[in-house]
PDB file of N, CA and C in Angstrom:
ATOM      1  N   MET A   1       0.758  -1.174  -0.107  1.00  0.00           N
ATOM      2  CA  MET A   1       0.382  -0.104  -0.092  1.00  0.00           C
ATOM      3  C   MET A   1       1.262   1.249  -0.252  1.00  0.00           C
ATOM      4  N   PHE A   2       1.983   1.163   0.909  1.00  0.00           N
ATOM      5  CA  PHE A   2       2.910   2.590   1.034  1.00  0.00           C
ATOM      6  C   PHE A   2       3.267   2.819  -0.297  1.00  0.00           C
ATOM      7  N   SER A   3       3.767   1.683  -0.966  1.00  0.00           N
ATOM      8  CA  SER A   3       5.081   1.880  -2.166  1.00  0.00           C
ATOM      9  C   SER A   3       3.942   2.477  -3.174  1.00  0.00           C
ATOM     10  N   GLU A   4       2.439   2.163  -3.484  1.00  0.00           N
ATOM     11  CA  GLU A   4       1.917   2.574  -4.400  1.00  0.00           C
ATOM     12  C   GLU A   4       1.062   4.038  -4.227  1.00  0.00           C
ATOM     13  N   ARG A   5       1.229   4.310  -2.835  1.00  0.00           N
ATOM     14  CA  ARG A   5       0.592   5.468  -2.469  1.00  0.00           C
ATOM     15  C   ARG A   5       1.723   6.705  -2.614  1.00  0.00           C
ATOM     16  N   ILE A   6       3.279   6.387  -2.447  1.00  0.00           N
ATOM     17  CA  ILE A   6       4.139   7.711  -2.812  1.00  0.00           C
ATOM     18  C   ILE A   6       4.335   7.444  -4.228  1.00  0.00           C
ATOM     19  N   ARG A   7       4.398   6.307  -4.861  1.00  0.00           N
ATOM     20  CA  ARG A   7       4.315   6.704  -6.156  1.00  0.00           C
ATOM     21  C   ARG A   7       2.969   7.432  -7.137  1.00  0.00           C
ATOM     22  N   ILE A   8       2.000   7.066  -6.519  1.00  0.00           N
ATOM     23  CA  ILE A   8       0.540   7.865  -6.871  1.00  0.00           C
ATOM     24  C   ILE A   8       1.027   9.852  -6.535  1.00  0.00           C
ATOM     25  N   LEU A   9       1.460   9.995  -5.664  1.00  0.00           N
ATOM     26  CA  LEU A   9       2.077  11.145  -5.077  1.00  0.00           C
ATOM     27  C   LEU A   9       3.084  11.982  -6.006  1.00  0.00           C
ATOM     28  N   ARG A  10       3.941  11.084  -6.229  1.00  0.00           N
ATOM     29  CA  ARG A  10       5.210  11.053  -7.018  1.00  0.00           C
ATOM     30  C   ARG A  10       4.776  12.084  -8.221  1.00  0.00           C
ATOM     31  N   LYS A  11       4.140  10.563  -8.859  1.00  0.00           N
ATOM     32  CA  LYS A  11       3.046  11.209 -10.453  1.00  0.00           C
ATOM     33  C   LYS A  11       2.731  12.516 -10.633  1.00  0.00           C
ATOM     34  N   GLU A  12       1.370  12.603  -9.238  1.00  0.00           N
ATOM     35  CA  GLU A  12       0.658  13.530  -8.787  1.00  0.00           C
ATOM     36  C   GLU A  12       1.243  15.035  -9.102  1.00  0.00           C
ATOM     37  N   ALA A  13       2.548  14.882  -8.192  1.00  0.00           N
ATOM     38  CA  ALA A  13       3.650  15.976  -8.743  1.00  0.00           C
ATOM     39  C   ALA A  13       4.359  16.085  -9.382  1.00  0.00           C
ATOM     40  N   LYS A  14       4.099  15.312 -10.025  1.00  0.00           N
ATOM     41  CA  LYS A  14       5.181  15.503 -11.505  1.00  0.00           C
ATOM     42  C   LYS A  14       6.441  15.352 -11.532  1.00  0.00           C
ATOM     43  N   LEU A  15       6.817  14.618 -10.207  1.00  0.00           N
ATOM     44  CA  LEU A  15       8.658  14.603  -9.702  1.00  0.00           C
ATOM     45  C   LEU A  15       9.143  13.357 -10.091  1.00  0.00           C
ATOM     46  N   THR A  16      10.527  13.462 -10.748  1.00  0.00           N
ATOM     47  CA  THR A  16      11.404  12.266 -10.533  1.00  0.00           C
ATOM     48  C   THR A  16      11.443  11.589  -9.369  1.00  0.00           C
ATOM     49  N   GLN A  17      11.940   9.964  -9.712  1.00  0.00           N
ATOM     50  CA  GLN A  17      12.295   9.304  -8.465  1.00  0.00           C
ATOM     51  C   GLN A  17      13.536  10.262  -7.533  1.00  0.00           C
ATOM     52  N   ALA A  18      14.785  10.728  -8.501  1.00  0.00           N
ATOM     53  CA  ALA A  18      15.695  11.824  -8.137  1.00  0.00           C
ATOM     54  C   ALA A  18      15.139  12.748  -6.990  1.00  0.00           C
ATOM     55  N   GLN A  19      14.383  13.833  -7.746  1.00  0.00           N
ATOM     56  CA  GLN A  19      13.807  14.819  -7.285  1.00  0.00           C
ATOM     57  C   GLN A  19      12.776  14.827  -6.109  1.00  0.00           C
ATOM     58  N   ALA A  20      11.954  13.607  -5.821  1.00  0.00           N
ATOM     59  CA  ALA A  20      11.671  13.084  -4.877  1.00  0.00           C
ATOM     60  C   ALA A  20      12.480  12.583  -3.405  1.00  0.00           C
ATOM     61  N   ALA A  21      12.889  12.279  -4.039  1.00  0.00           N
ATOM     62  CA  ALA A  21      14.182  11.864  -3.019  1.00  0.00           C
ATOM     63  C   ALA A  21      15.099  12.799  -2.270  1.00  0.00           C
ATOM     64  N   ARG A  22      15.097  13.452  -3.336  1.00  0.00           N
ATOM     65  CA  ARG A  22      16.320  14.983  -2.832  1.00  0.00           C
ATOM     66  C   ARG A  22      15.233  15.774  -1.678  1.00  0.00           C
ATOM     67  N   ASN A  23      13.795  16.325  -2.377  1.00  0.00           N
ATOM     68  CA  ASN A  23      12.978  16.499  -1.443  1.00  0.00           C
ATOM     69  C   ASN A  23      12.895  16.153   0.107  1.00  0.00           C
ATOM     70  N   VAL A  24      12.792  14.667   0.175  1.00  0.00           N
ATOM     71  CA  VAL A  24      12.726  13.985   1.575  1.00  0.00           C
ATOM     72  C   VAL A  24      13.804  13.404   1.862  1.00  0.00           C
ATOM     73  N   GLY A  25      14.955  13.812   1.530  1.00  0.00           N
ATOM     74  CA  GLY A  25      16.354  13.898   2.185  1.00  0.00           C
ATOM     75  C   GLY A  25      16.807  12.046   2.234  1.00  0.00           C
ATOM     76  N   LEU A  26      16.587  11.301   0.815  1.00  0.00           N
ATOM     77  CA  LEU A  26      16.369  10.178   0.859  1.00  0.00           C
ATOM     78  C   LEU A  26      17.521  10.380  -0.585  1.00  0.00           C
ATOM     79  N   SER A  27      18.503   8.712  -0.685  1.00  0.00           N
ATOM     80  CA  SER A  27      19.308   8.913  -2.264  1.00  0.00           C
ATOM     81  C   SER A  27      18.189   8.442  -2.968  1.00  0.00           C
ATOM     82  N   PRO A  28      18.385   8.303  -4.613  1.00  0.00           N
ATOM     83  CA  PRO A  28      17.896   8.033  -5.343  1.00  0.00           C
ATOM     84  C   PRO A  28      17.193   6.686  -5.111  1.00  0.00           C
ATOM     85  N   ARG A  29      18.335   5.670  -4.684  1.00  0.00           N
ATOM     86  CA  ARG A  29      18.505   4.529  -4.630  1.00  0.00           C
ATOM     87  C   ARG A  29      17.405   3.950  -3.519  1.00  0.00           C
ATOM     88  N   GLY A  30      17.491   4.871  -2.331  1.00  0.00           N
ATOM     89  CA  GLY A  30      16.467   4.805  -1.384  1.00  0.00           C
ATOM     90  C   GLY A  30      14.909   4.821  -1.360  1.00  0.00           C
ATOM     91  N   TYR A  31      14.821   6.046  -2.374  1.00  0.00           N
ATOM     92  CA  TYR A  31      13.464   6.257  -2.399  1.00  0.00           C
ATOM     93  C   TYR A  31      12.710   5.490  -3.670  1.00  0.00           C
ATOM     94  N   GLN A  32      13.711   4.923  -4.727  1.00  0.00           N
ATOM     95  CA  GLN A  32      13.303   3.827  -5.077  1.00  0.00           C
ATOM     96  C   GLN A  32      13.475   2.768  -4.689  1.00  0.00           C
ATOM     97  N   ASP A  33      13.710   2.245  -3.525  1.00  0.00           N
ATOM     98  CA  ASP A  33      13.343   0.888  -3.076  1.00  0.00           C
ATOM     99  C   ASP A  33      12.472   1.006  -2.212  1.00  0.00           C
ATOM    100  N   LEU A  34      11.527   2.120  -1.748  1.00  0.00           N
ATOM    101  CA  LEU A  34      10.187   2.557  -1.064  1.00  0.00           C
ATOM    102  C   LEU A  34       9.210   2.306  -2.168  1.00  0.00           C
ATOM    103  N   GLU A  35       9.144   2.715  -3.325  1.00  0.00           N
ATOM    104  CA  GLU A  35       8.383   2.120  -4.363  1.00  0.00           C
ATOM    105  C   GLU A  35       8.441   1.140  -4.660  1.00  0.00           C
ATOM    106  N   LEU A  36       9.194   0.351  -4.550  1.00  0.00           N
ATOM    107  CA  LEU A  36       9.544  -1.252  -5.050  1.00  0.00           C
ATOM    108  C   LEU A  36       9.366  -2.062  -3.915  1.00  0.00           C
ATOM    109  N   GLY A  37       8.826  -1.137  -2.276  1.00  0.00           N
ATOM    110  CA  GLY A  37       8.160  -2.243  -1.547  1.00  0.00           C
ATOM    111  C   GLY A  37       8.877  -2.430  -0.179  1.00  0.00           C
ATOM    112  N   ALA A  38      10.183  -1.601  -0.160  1.00  0.00           N
ATOM    113  CA  ALA A  38      10.988  -1.539   1.059  1.00  0.00           C
ATOM    114  C   ALA A  38       9.887  -0.852   2.292  1.00  0.00           C
ATOM    115  N   THR A  39      10.170  -1.212   3.200  1.00  0.00           N
ATOM    116  CA  THR A  39       9.310  -0.553   4.588  1.00  0.00           C
ATOM    117  C   THR A  39      10.276   0.645   4.804  1.00  0.00           C
ATOM    118  N   PRO A  40       9.726   2.045   5.067  1.00  0.00           N
ATOM    119  CA  PRO A  40      10.180   2.964   5.775  1.00  0.00           C
ATOM    120  C   PRO A  40      10.510   3.250   7.151  1.00  0.00           C
ATOM    121  N   ARG A  41      11.782   3.548   7.827  1.00  0.00           N
ATOM    122  CA  ARG A  41      11.984   4.379   8.736  1.00  0.00           C
ATOM    123  C   ARG A  41      10.984   5.000   9.308  1.00  0.00           C
ATOM    124  N   GLY A  42      10.828   5.444  10.427  1.00  0.00           N
ATOM    125  CA  GLY A  42       9.900   6.292  10.936  1.00  0.00           C
ATOM    126  C   GLY A  42      10.286   7.758  10.480  1.00  0.00           C
ATOM    127  N   ASP A  43      11.686   8.093  10.626  1.00  0.00           N
ATOM    128  CA  ASP A  43      11.678   9.415  10.309  1.00  0.00           C
ATOM    129  C   ASP A  43      11.667   9.455   8.568  1.00  0.00           C
ATOM    130  N   THR A  44      11.896   8.517   7.984  1.00  0.00           N
ATOM    131  CA  THR A  44      11.577   8.591   6.547  1.00  0.00           C
ATOM    132  C   THR A  44      10.038   9.227   6.273  1.00  0.00           C
ATOM    133  N   LEU A  45       9.428   8.140   7.094  1.00  0.00           N
ATOM    134  CA  LEU A  45       8.014   8.415   6.834  1.00  0.00           C
ATOM    135  C   LEU A  45       7.450   9.631   7.523  1.00  0.00           C
ATOM    136  N   LEU A  46       7.818   9.898   8.235  1.00  0.00           N
ATOM    137  CA  LEU A  46       7.246  11.655   8.918  1.00  0.00           C
ATOM    138  C   LEU A  46       7.771  12.392   7.916  1.00  0.00           C
ATOM    139  N   SER A  47       9.180  12.051   7.076  1.00  0.00           N
ATOM    140  CA  SER A  47       9.636  13.515   5.684  1.00  0.00           C
ATOM    141  C   SER A  47       8.636  13.278   4.799  1.00  0.00           C
ATOM    142  N   ILE A  48       8.065  12.283   4.455  1.00  0.00           N
ATOM    143  CA  ILE A  48       7.446  11.899   3.348  1.00  0.00           C
ATOM    144  C   ILE A  48       6.154  12.433   3.231  1.00  0.00           C
ATOM    145  N   ALA A  49       5.399  12.197   4.383  1.00  0.00           N
ATOM    146  CA  ALA A  49       4.259  12.953   5.144  1.00  0.00           C
ATOM    147  C   ALA A  49       3.996  14.087   4.900  1.00  0.00           C
ATOM    148  N   ASP A  50       5.017  15.356   5.235  1.00  0.00           N
ATOM    149  CA  ASP A  50       4.987  15.931   5.656  1.00  0.00           C
ATOM    150  C   ASP A  50       5.267  16.779   3.782  1.00  0.00           C
ATOM    151  N   PHE A  51       6.589  16.161   3.444  1.00  0.00           N
ATOM    152  CA  PHE A  51       6.541  16.718   2.261  1.00  0.00           C
ATOM    153  C   PHE A  51       5.722  16.819   1.345  1.00  0.00           C
ATOM    154  N   TYR A  52       4.555  15.468   1.347  1.00  0.00           N
ATOM    155  CA  TYR A  52       3.348  15.369   0.394  1.00  0.00           C
ATOM    156  C   TYR A  52       2.332  16.198   0.804  1.00  0.00           C
ATOM    157  N   GLY A  53       2.463  16.506   2.020  1.00  0.00           N
ATOM    158  CA  GLY A  53       1.064  17.179   2.959  1.00  0.00           C
ATOM    159  C   GLY A  53      -0.226  16.520   3.173  1.00  0.00           C
ATOM    160  N   VAL A  54       0.108  14.638   3.451  1.00  0.00           N
ATOM    161  CA  VAL A  54      -0.730  13.576   3.497  1.00  0.00           C
ATOM    162  C   VAL A  54      -0.237  13.246   5.196  1.00  0.00           C
ATOM    163  N   SER A  55      -1.503  12.403   5.943  1.00  0.00           N
ATOM    164  CA  SER A  55      -1.178  11.558   6.825  1.00  0.00           C
ATOM    165  C   SER A  55      -0.482  10.675   6.779  1.00  0.00           C
ATOM    166  N   ILE A  56       0.452  10.335   7.789  1.00  0.00           N
ATOM    167  CA  ILE A  56       0.913   9.003   7.783  1.00  0.00           C
ATOM    168  C   ILE A  56       0.195   8.108   7.790  1.00  0.00           C
ATOM    169  N   ASP A  57      -0.824   7.764   8.399  1.00  0.00           N
ATOM    170  CA  ASP A  57      -2.667   6.645   8.379  1.00  0.00           C
ATOM    171  C   ASP A  57      -2.960   6.276   6.994  1.00  0.00           C
ATOM    172  N   TRP A  58      -2.867   7.461   6.404  1.00  0.00           N
ATOM    173  CA  TRP A  58      -3.250   7.500   4.690  1.00  0.00           C
ATOM    174  C   TRP A  58      -1.542   6.442   3.953  1.00  0.00           C
ATOM    175  N   LEU A  59      -1.034   7.131   4.181  1.00  0.00           N
ATOM    176  CA  LEU A  59       0.763   6.756   3.905  1.00  0.00           C
ATOM    177  C   LEU A  59       0.420   5.014   3.807  1.00  0.00           C
ATOM    178  N   MET A  60       0.343   5.215   5.122  1.00  0.00           N
ATOM    179  CA  MET A  60       0.206   3.399   5.336  1.00  0.00           C
ATOM    180  C   MET A  60      -0.864   2.530   5.280  1.00  0.00           C
ATOM    181  N   GLY A  61      -2.128   3.055   4.519  1.00  0.00           N
ATOM    182  CA  GLY A  61      -3.121   2.019   4.132  1.00  0.00           C
ATOM    183  C   GLY A  61      -4.103   2.159   5.379  1.00  0.00           C
ATOM    184  N   ARG A  62      -3.923   2.817   6.535  1.00  0.00           N
ATOM    185  CA  ARG A  62      -5.077   3.156   7.505  1.00  0.00           C
ATOM    186  C   ARG A  62      -6.091   3.831   7.632  1.00  0.00           C
ATOM    187  N   THR A  63      -6.462   4.629   6.399  1.00  0.00           N
ATOM    188  CA  THR A  63      -7.623   5.465   6.061  1.00  0.00           C
ATOM    189  C   THR A  63      -7.227   5.883   4.862  1.00  0.00           C
ATOM    190  N   ASP A  64      -8.663   6.381   3.851  1.00  0.00           N
ATOM    191  CA  ASP A  64      -8.544   6.617   3.103  1.00  0.00           C
ATOM    192  C   ASP A  64      -8.611   8.191   2.762  1.00  0.00           C
ATOM    193  N   ARG A  65      -8.947   8.851   3.819  1.00  0.00           N
ATOM    194  CA  ARG A  65      -8.543  10.039   3.703  1.00  0.00           C
ATOM    195  C   ARG A  65      -6.987  10.678   3.953  1.00  0.00           C
ATOM    196  N   ARG A  66      -6.797  11.346   2.942  1.00  0.00           N
ATOM    197  CA  ARG A  66      -5.516  12.139   3.046  1.00  0.00           C
ATOM    198  C   ARG A  66      -4.818  12.970   4.088  1.00  0.00           C
ATOM    199  N   ALA A  67      -5.992  13.535   4.178  1.00  0.00           N
ATOM    200  CA  ALA A  67      -6.109  15.059   4.731  1.00  0.00           C
ATOM    201  C   ALA A  67      -5.592  14.335   6.047  1.00  0.00           C
ATOM    202  N   VAL A  68      -4.469  15.692   6.353  1.00  0.00           N
ATOM    203  CA  VAL A  68      -3.470  15.930   7.918  1.00  0.00           C
ATOM    204  C   VAL A  68      -4.349  16.268   9.020  1.00  0.00           C
ATOM    205  N   ASN A  69      -4.626  15.883  10.088  1.00  0.00           N
ATOM    206  CA  ASN A  69      -5.561  16.011  11.060  1.00  0.00           C
ATOM    207  C   ASN A  69      -4.974  17.489  11.900  1.00  0.00           C
ATOM    208  N   GLY A  70      -5.426  18.507  11.509  1.00  0.00           N
ATOM    209  CA  GLY A  70      -4.663  19.910  12.111  1.00  0.00           C
ATOM    210  C   GLY A  70      -5.324  20.695  13.235  1.00  0.00           C
ATOM    211  N   GLY A  71      -6.208  20.003  13.518  1.00  0.00           N
ATOM    212  CA  GLY A  71      -7.023  20.390  14.535  1.00  0.00           C
ATOM    213  C   GLY A  71      -6.489  19.701  16.106  1.00  0.00           C
ATOM    214  N   LYS A  72      -7.258  20.708  16.698  1.00  0.00           N
ATOM    215  CA  LYS A  72      -6.447  20.473  18.432  1.00  0.00           C
ATOM    216  C   LYS A  72      -7.386  19.210  18.986  1.00  0.00           C
ATOM    217  N   ARG A  73      -6.603  18.583  19.564  1.00  0.00           N
ATOM    218  CA  ARG A  73      -7.676  17.423  20.194  1.00  0.00           C
ATOM    219  C   ARG A  73      -8.258  17.854  21.747  1.00  0.00           C
ATOM    220  N   GLU A  74      -9.185  16.934  21.609  1.00  0.00           N
ATOM    221  CA  GLU A  74     -10.180  17.745  22.504  1.00  0.00           C
ATOM    222  C   GLU A  74      -9.831  16.637  23.766  1.00  0.00           C
ATOM    223  N   ALA A  75      -9.984  17.251  25.153  1.00  0.00           N
ATOM    224  CA  ALA A  75      -9.595  16.333  26.496  1.00  0.00           C
ATOM    225  C   ALA A  75     -10.598  15.392  26.290  1.00  0.00           C
TER     226      ALA A  75
END
């Protein structure tokens, strides 16, 4: 799921894998590995979610809602 979603996001942004990699702080090979199914580390996951402006839950397939929950949590 993750690999499919980052590929979708990259193509929507009209970026090459090398351009996307540079923007999220990875080597081109590291980014390519993620699109091929490698599991991201926590810091990489955060960086990708921040760059594309999507939620980690969406990236990981836990929800169909792309948006980041920007609201404050109520106690």
